[in-house]
PDB file of N, CA and C in Angstrom:
ATOM      1  N   MET A   1      -5.693  12.827  -6.404  1.00  0.00           N
ATOM      2  CA  MET A   1      -7.047  12.678  -6.981  1.00  0.00           C
ATOM      3  C   MET A   1      -7.934  13.439  -5.978  1.00  0.00           C
ATOM      4  N   GLU A   2      -8.823  14.259  -6.492  1.00  0.00           N
ATOM      5  CA  GLU A   2      -9.857  14.962  -5.548  1.00  0.00           C
ATOM      6  C   GLU A   2     -11.097  14.115  -5.567  1.00  0.00           C
ATOM      7  N   ALA A   3     -11.683  14.124  -4.408  1.00  0.00           N
ATOM      8  CA  ALA A   3     -12.924  13.418  -4.264  1.00  0.00           C
ATOM      9  C   ALA A   3     -13.827  14.299  -3.200  1.00  0.00           C
ATOM     10  N   GLY A   4     -15.174  14.205  -3.473  1.00  0.00           N
ATOM     11  CA  GLY A   4     -16.058  14.971  -2.555  1.00  0.00           C
ATOM     12  C   GLY A   4     -16.427  14.053  -1.421  1.00  0.00           C
ATOM     13  N   VAL A   5     -15.546  13.515  -0.751  1.00  0.00           N
ATOM     14  CA  VAL A   5     -15.921  12.602   0.432  1.00  0.00           C
ATOM     15  C   VAL A   5     -15.114  13.291   1.636  1.00  0.00           C
ATOM     16  N   ARG A   6     -15.903  13.657   2.705  1.00  0.00           N
ATOM     17  CA  ARG A   6     -15.237  14.290   3.912  1.00  0.00           C
ATOM     18  C   ARG A   6     -14.408  13.298   4.685  1.00  0.00           C
ATOM     19  N   ASN A   7     -14.895  12.099   4.834  1.00  0.00           N
ATOM     20  CA  ASN A   7     -14.336  11.108   5.655  1.00  0.00           C
ATOM     21  C   ASN A   7     -13.101  10.320   4.962  1.00  0.00           C
ATOM     22  N   GLN A   8     -11.947  10.881   5.157  1.00  0.00           N
ATOM     23  CA  GLN A   8     -10.771  10.410   4.477  1.00  0.00           C
ATOM     24  C   GLN A   8      -9.812   9.961   5.502  1.00  0.00           C
ATOM     25  N   LEU A   9      -9.341   8.772   5.486  1.00  0.00           N
ATOM     26  CA  LEU A   9      -8.338   8.298   6.450  1.00  0.00           C
ATOM     27  C   LEU A   9      -7.125   7.695   5.607  1.00  0.00           C
ATOM     28  N   ASN A  10      -5.843   8.365   5.865  1.00  0.00           N
ATOM     29  CA  ASN A  10      -4.667   7.900   5.275  1.00  0.00           C
ATOM     30  C   ASN A  10      -4.075   6.740   6.179  1.00  0.00           C
ATOM     31  N   GLY A  11      -3.385   5.895   5.534  1.00  0.00           N
ATOM     32  CA  GLY A  11      -2.779   4.803   6.167  1.00  0.00           C
ATOM     33  C   GLY A  11      -1.842   4.032   5.284  1.00  0.00           C
ATOM     34  N   LYS A  12      -1.243   2.883   5.791  1.00  0.00           N
ATOM     35  CA  LYS A  12      -0.452   2.068   4.978  1.00  0.00           C
ATOM     36  C   LYS A  12      -1.086   0.707   4.869  1.00  0.00           C
ATOM     37  N   ILE A  13      -1.057   0.106   3.744  1.00  0.00           N
ATOM     38  CA  ILE A  13      -1.533  -1.276   3.393  1.00  0.00           C
ATOM     39  C   ILE A  13      -0.665  -2.217   4.177  1.00  0.00           C
ATOM     40  N   VAL A  14      -1.292  -2.878   5.040  1.00  0.00           N
ATOM     41  CA  VAL A  14      -0.567  -3.896   5.923  1.00  0.00           C
ATOM     42  C   VAL A  14      -0.838  -5.404   5.430  1.00  0.00           C
ATOM     43  N   GLN A  15      -1.949  -5.641   4.782  1.00  0.00           N
ATOM     44  CA  GLN A  15      -2.404  -6.937   4.475  1.00  0.00           C
ATOM     45  C   GLN A  15      -3.353  -6.892   3.166  1.00  0.00           C
ATOM     46  N   ILE A  16      -3.047  -7.831   2.268  1.00  0.00           N
ATOM     47  CA  ILE A  16      -4.110  -8.150   1.170  1.00  0.00           C
ATOM     48  C   ILE A  16      -4.367  -9.573   1.216  1.00  0.00           C
ATOM     49  N   LYS A  17      -5.675  -9.814   1.272  1.00  0.00           N
ATOM     50  CA  LYS A  17      -6.201 -11.165   1.228  1.00  0.00           C
ATOM     51  C   LYS A  17      -6.954 -11.372  -0.146  1.00  0.00           C
ATOM     52  N   GLU A  18      -6.152 -11.846  -1.113  1.00  0.00           N
ATOM     53  CA  GLU A  18      -6.719 -12.049  -2.519  1.00  0.00           C
ATOM     54  C   GLU A  18      -7.462 -13.231  -2.712  1.00  0.00           C
ATOM     55  N   GLY A  19      -8.585 -13.111  -3.164  1.00  0.00           N
ATOM     56  CA  GLY A  19      -9.522 -14.382  -3.644  1.00  0.00           C
ATOM     57  C   GLY A  19      -9.653 -14.276  -5.061  1.00  0.00           C
ATOM     58  N   ASP A  20     -10.442 -15.339  -5.526  1.00  0.00           N
ATOM     59  CA  ASP A  20     -10.681 -15.538  -7.045  1.00  0.00           C
ATOM     60  C   ASP A  20     -11.521 -14.415  -7.513  1.00  0.00           C
ATOM     61  N   ILE A  21     -12.478 -14.011  -6.631  1.00  0.00           N
ATOM     62  CA  ILE A  21     -13.433 -12.942  -7.183  1.00  0.00           C
ATOM     63  C   ILE A  21     -13.369 -11.716  -6.375  1.00  0.00           C
ATOM     64  N   MET A  22     -13.303 -11.927  -4.910  1.00  0.00           N
ATOM     65  CA  MET A  22     -13.295 -10.771  -4.058  1.00  0.00           C
ATOM     66  C   MET A  22     -11.993 -10.760  -3.230  1.00  0.00           C
ATOM     67  N   SER A  23     -11.449  -9.523  -2.886  1.00  0.00           N
ATOM     68  CA  SER A  23     -10.310  -9.307  -2.102  1.00  0.00           C
ATOM     69  C   SER A  23     -10.500  -8.475  -0.931  1.00  0.00           C
ATOM     70  N   GLU A  24      -9.720  -8.506   0.023  1.00  0.00           N
ATOM     71  CA  GLU A  24      -9.730  -7.572   1.241  1.00  0.00           C
ATOM     72  C   GLU A  24      -8.464  -6.745   1.228  1.00  0.00           C
ATOM     73  N   VAL A  25      -8.413  -5.487   1.510  1.00  0.00           N
ATOM     74  CA  VAL A  25      -7.173  -4.695   1.590  1.00  0.00           C
ATOM     75  C   VAL A  25      -7.358  -4.109   2.990  1.00  0.00           C
ATOM     76  N   ILE A  26      -6.320  -4.310   3.851  1.00  0.00           N
ATOM     77  CA  ILE A  26      -6.351  -3.815   5.165  1.00  0.00           C
ATOM     78  C   ILE A  26      -5.258  -2.587   5.392  1.00  0.00           C
ATOM     79  N   ILE A  27      -5.884  -1.475   5.761  1.00  0.00           N
ATOM     80  CA  ILE A  27      -4.949  -0.273   5.963  1.00  0.00           C
ATOM     81  C   ILE A  27      -4.772  -0.042   7.493  1.00  0.00           C
ATOM     82  N   GLN A  28      -3.580   0.131   7.798  1.00  0.00           N
ATOM     83  CA  GLN A  28      -3.305   0.456   9.177  1.00  0.00           C
ATOM     84  C   GLN A  28      -3.194   1.995   9.451  1.00  0.00           C
ATOM     85  N   ARG A  29      -3.763   2.632  10.292  1.00  0.00           N
ATOM     86  CA  ARG A  29      -3.697   4.043  10.649  1.00  0.00           C
ATOM     87  C   ARG A  29      -3.597   4.053  12.257  1.00  0.00           C
ATOM     88  N   GLY A  30      -2.408   4.389  12.646  1.00  0.00           N
ATOM     89  CA  GLY A  30      -2.103   4.288  14.067  1.00  0.00           C
ATOM     90  C   GLY A  30      -2.434   2.966  14.655  1.00  0.00           C
ATOM     91  N   ASP A  31      -3.355   2.852  15.708  1.00  0.00           N
ATOM     92  CA  ASP A  31      -3.848   1.565  16.302  1.00  0.00           C
ATOM     93  C   ASP A  31      -4.849   0.939  15.669  1.00  0.00           C
ATOM     94  N   THR A  32      -5.456   1.576  14.562  1.00  0.00           N
ATOM     95  CA  THR A  32      -6.682   1.248  14.057  1.00  0.00           C
ATOM     96  C   THR A  32      -6.459   0.644  12.698  1.00  0.00           C
ATOM     97  N   GLN A  33      -7.197  -0.422  12.330  1.00  0.00           N
ATOM     98  CA  GLN A  33      -7.170  -1.092  10.988  1.00  0.00           C
ATOM     99  C   GLN A  33      -8.420  -0.806  10.329  1.00  0.00           C
ATOM    100  N   ILE A  34      -8.461  -0.673   9.082  1.00  0.00           N
ATOM    101  CA  ILE A  34      -9.652  -0.350   8.219  1.00  0.00           C
ATOM    102  C   ILE A  34      -9.610  -1.394   7.091  1.00  0.00           C
ATOM    103  N   THR A  35     -10.575  -2.110   6.887  1.00  0.00           N
ATOM    104  CA  THR A  35     -10.698  -3.082   5.849  1.00  0.00           C
ATOM    105  C   THR A  35     -11.651  -2.743   4.779  1.00  0.00           C
ATOM    106  N   SER A  36     -11.161  -2.912   3.485  1.00  0.00           N
ATOM    107  CA  SER A  36     -11.979  -2.621   2.301  1.00  0.00           C
ATOM    108  C   SER A  36     -12.225  -3.931   1.624  1.00  0.00           C
ATOM    109  N   VAL A  37     -13.390  -4.207   1.113  1.00  0.00           N
ATOM    110  CA  VAL A  37     -13.720  -5.432   0.374  1.00  0.00           C
ATOM    111  C   VAL A  37     -13.871  -4.896  -1.195  1.00  0.00           C
ATOM    112  N   MET A  38     -13.292  -5.428  -2.079  1.00  0.00           N
ATOM    113  CA  MET A  38     -13.407  -5.130  -3.517  1.00  0.00           C
ATOM    114  C   MET A  38     -13.203  -6.284  -4.384  1.00  0.00           C
ATOM    115  N   THR A  39     -13.593  -6.114  -5.610  1.00  0.00           N
ATOM    116  CA  THR A  39     -13.370  -7.332  -6.501  1.00  0.00           C
ATOM    117  C   THR A  39     -11.825  -7.316  -6.771  1.00  0.00           C
ATOM    118  N   THR A  40     -11.369  -8.555  -6.943  1.00  0.00           N
ATOM    119  CA  THR A  40     -10.024  -8.818  -7.261  1.00  0.00           C
ATOM    120  C   THR A  40      -9.586  -8.127  -8.493  1.00  0.00           C
ATOM    121  N   ASP A  41     -10.474  -7.938  -9.534  1.00  0.00           N
ATOM    122  CA  ASP A  41     -10.109  -7.200 -10.677  1.00  0.00           C
ATOM    123  C   ASP A  41      -9.813  -5.666 -10.339  1.00  0.00           C
ATOM    124  N   SER A  42     -10.704  -5.266  -9.506  1.00  0.00           N
ATOM    125  CA  SER A  42     -10.373  -3.806  -9.126  1.00  0.00           C
ATOM    126  C   SER A  42      -9.050  -3.636  -8.301  1.00  0.00           C
ATOM    127  N   LEU A  43      -8.802  -4.616  -7.471  1.00  0.00           N
ATOM    128  CA  LEU A  43      -7.578  -4.652  -6.835  1.00  0.00           C
ATOM    129  C   LEU A  43      -6.347  -4.584  -7.742  1.00  0.00           C
ATOM    130  N   LYS A  44      -6.400  -5.493  -8.641  1.00  0.00           N
ATOM    131  CA  LYS A  44      -5.376  -5.432  -9.718  1.00  0.00           C
ATOM    132  C   LYS A  44      -5.237  -4.232 -10.381  1.00  0.00           C
ATOM    133  N   LYS A  45      -6.352  -3.544 -10.881  1.00  0.00           N
ATOM    134  CA  LYS A  45      -6.304  -2.380 -11.595  1.00  0.00           C
ATOM    135  C   LYS A  45      -5.781  -1.201 -10.786  1.00  0.00           C
ATOM    136  N   ALA A  46      -6.063  -1.214  -9.400  1.00  0.00           N
ATOM    137  CA  ALA A  46      -5.549  -0.199  -8.751  1.00  0.00           C
ATOM    138  C   ALA A  46      -4.072  -0.276  -8.321  1.00  0.00           C
ATOM    139  N   GLY A  47      -3.571  -1.540  -8.422  1.00  0.00           N
ATOM    140  CA  GLY A  47      -2.180  -1.814  -8.188  1.00  0.00           C
ATOM    141  C   GLY A  47      -1.717  -1.684  -6.726  1.00  0.00           C
ATOM    142  N   PHE A  48      -2.712  -1.979  -5.851  1.00  0.00           N
ATOM    143  CA  PHE A  48      -2.334  -2.017  -4.421  1.00  0.00           C
ATOM    144  C   PHE A  48      -1.306  -3.096  -4.045  1.00  0.00           C
ATOM    145  N   LYS A  49      -0.416  -2.754  -3.207  1.00  0.00           N
ATOM    146  CA  LYS A  49       0.593  -3.753  -2.664  1.00  0.00           C
ATOM    147  C   LYS A  49       0.836  -3.297  -1.228  1.00  0.00           C
ATOM    148  N   VAL A  50       1.170  -4.341  -0.503  1.00  0.00           N
ATOM    149  CA  VAL A  50       1.521  -4.236   0.960  1.00  0.00           C
ATOM    150  C   VAL A  50       2.745  -3.230   1.051  1.00  0.00           C
ATOM    151  N   GLY A  51       2.578  -2.322   1.931  1.00  0.00           N
ATOM    152  CA  GLY A  51       3.577  -1.346   2.134  1.00  0.00           C
ATOM    153  C   GLY A  51       3.190   0.080   1.482  1.00  0.00           C
ATOM    154  N   ASN A  52       2.202   0.030   0.501  1.00  0.00           N
ATOM    155  CA  ASN A  52       1.690   1.230  -0.211  1.00  0.00           C
ATOM    156  C   ASN A  52       1.036   2.103   0.788  1.00  0.00           C
ATOM    157  N   GLU A  53       1.167   3.470   0.654  1.00  0.00           N
ATOM    158  CA  GLU A  53       0.305   4.370   1.303  1.00  0.00           C
ATOM    159  C   GLU A  53      -1.083   4.403   0.540  1.00  0.00           C
ATOM    160  N   ALA A  54      -2.085   4.528   1.330  1.00  0.00           N
ATOM    161  CA  ALA A  54      -3.484   4.533   0.629  1.00  0.00           C
ATOM    162  C   ALA A  54      -4.398   5.417   1.444  1.00  0.00           C
ATOM    163  N   THR A  55      -5.538   5.787   0.828  1.00  0.00           N
ATOM    164  CA  THR A  55      -6.548   6.591   1.505  1.00  0.00           C
ATOM    165  C   THR A  55      -7.825   5.871   1.459  1.00  0.00           C
ATOM    166  N   ALA A  56      -8.487   5.683   2.607  1.00  0.00           N
ATOM    167  CA  ALA A  56      -9.807   5.054   2.737  1.00  0.00           C
ATOM    168  C   ALA A  56     -10.825   6.225   2.676  1.00  0.00           C
ATOM    169  N   LEU A  57     -11.628   6.284   1.585  1.00  0.00           N
ATOM    170  CA  LEU A  57     -12.612   7.244   1.396  1.00  0.00           C
ATOM    171  C   LEU A  57     -14.091   6.504   1.907  1.00  0.00           C
ATOM    172  N   ILE A  58     -14.602   7.105   3.056  1.00  0.00           N
ATOM    173  CA  ILE A  58     -15.745   6.434   3.734  1.00  0.00           C
ATOM    174  C   ILE A  58     -16.973   7.355   3.464  1.00  0.00           C
ATOM    175  N   LYS A  59     -17.882   6.759   2.767  1.00  0.00           N
ATOM    176  CA  LYS A  59     -19.128   7.454   2.426  1.00  0.00           C
ATOM    177  C   LYS A  59     -20.238   6.374   2.548  1.00  0.00           C
ATOM    178  N   ALA A  60     -21.089   6.670   3.621  1.00  0.00           N
ATOM    179  CA  ALA A  60     -22.150   5.646   3.930  1.00  0.00           C
ATOM    180  C   ALA A  60     -23.429   6.367   4.470  1.00  0.00           C
ATOM    181  N   ILE A  61     -24.433   5.763   4.079  1.00  0.00           N
ATOM    182  CA  ILE A  61     -25.775   6.259   4.427  1.00  0.00           C
ATOM    183  C   ILE A  61     -26.106   5.810   5.863  1.00  0.00           C
ATOM    184  N   ASN A  62     -25.417   4.835   6.353  1.00  0.00           N
ATOM    185  CA  ASN A  62     -25.650   4.387   7.737  1.00  0.00           C
ATOM    186  C   ASN A  62     -24.351   4.167   8.500  1.00  0.00           C
ATOM    187  N   VAL A  63     -24.208   4.783   9.584  1.00  0.00           N
ATOM    188  CA  VAL A  63     -23.065   4.356  10.527  1.00  0.00           C
ATOM    189  C   VAL A  63     -23.576   4.054  11.872  1.00  0.00           C
ATOM    190  N   VAL A  64     -23.182   2.834  12.326  1.00  0.00           N
ATOM    191  CA  VAL A  64     -23.671   2.300  13.515  1.00  0.00           C
ATOM    192  C   VAL A  64     -22.598   2.432  14.635  1.00  0.00           C
ATOM    193  N   MET A  65     -22.933   3.125  15.730  1.00  0.00           N
ATOM    194  CA  MET A  65     -21.976   3.431  16.752  1.00  0.00           C
ATOM    195  C   MET A  65     -22.459   2.645  17.960  1.00  0.00           C
ATOM    196  N   VAL A  66     -21.493   2.131  18.726  1.00  0.00           N
ATOM    197  CA  VAL A  66     -21.761   1.381  20.001  1.00  0.00           C
ATOM    198  C   VAL A  66     -20.762   1.860  21.152  1.00  0.00           C
ATOM    199  N   LYS A  67     -21.255   1.619  22.369  1.00  0.00           N
ATOM    200  CA  LYS A  67     -20.412   1.991  23.377  1.00  0.00           C
ATOM    201  C   LYS A  67     -20.158   0.782  24.271  1.00  0.00           C
TER     202      LYS A  67
END
């Protein structure tokens, strides 16, 4: 799939926390974990499973950086 998003991070799904309405999908990339929150309906439609390779597309108007 092509997307016009520059910030793309590939990784492996290591955990899914499925709720009634909302779910979390956690991707591991090296030493870093990226968490996405989505509706459980979207999770099921996407067919995400632990162990799948996935790409996090990050598009935000605000990015907070701390040191």
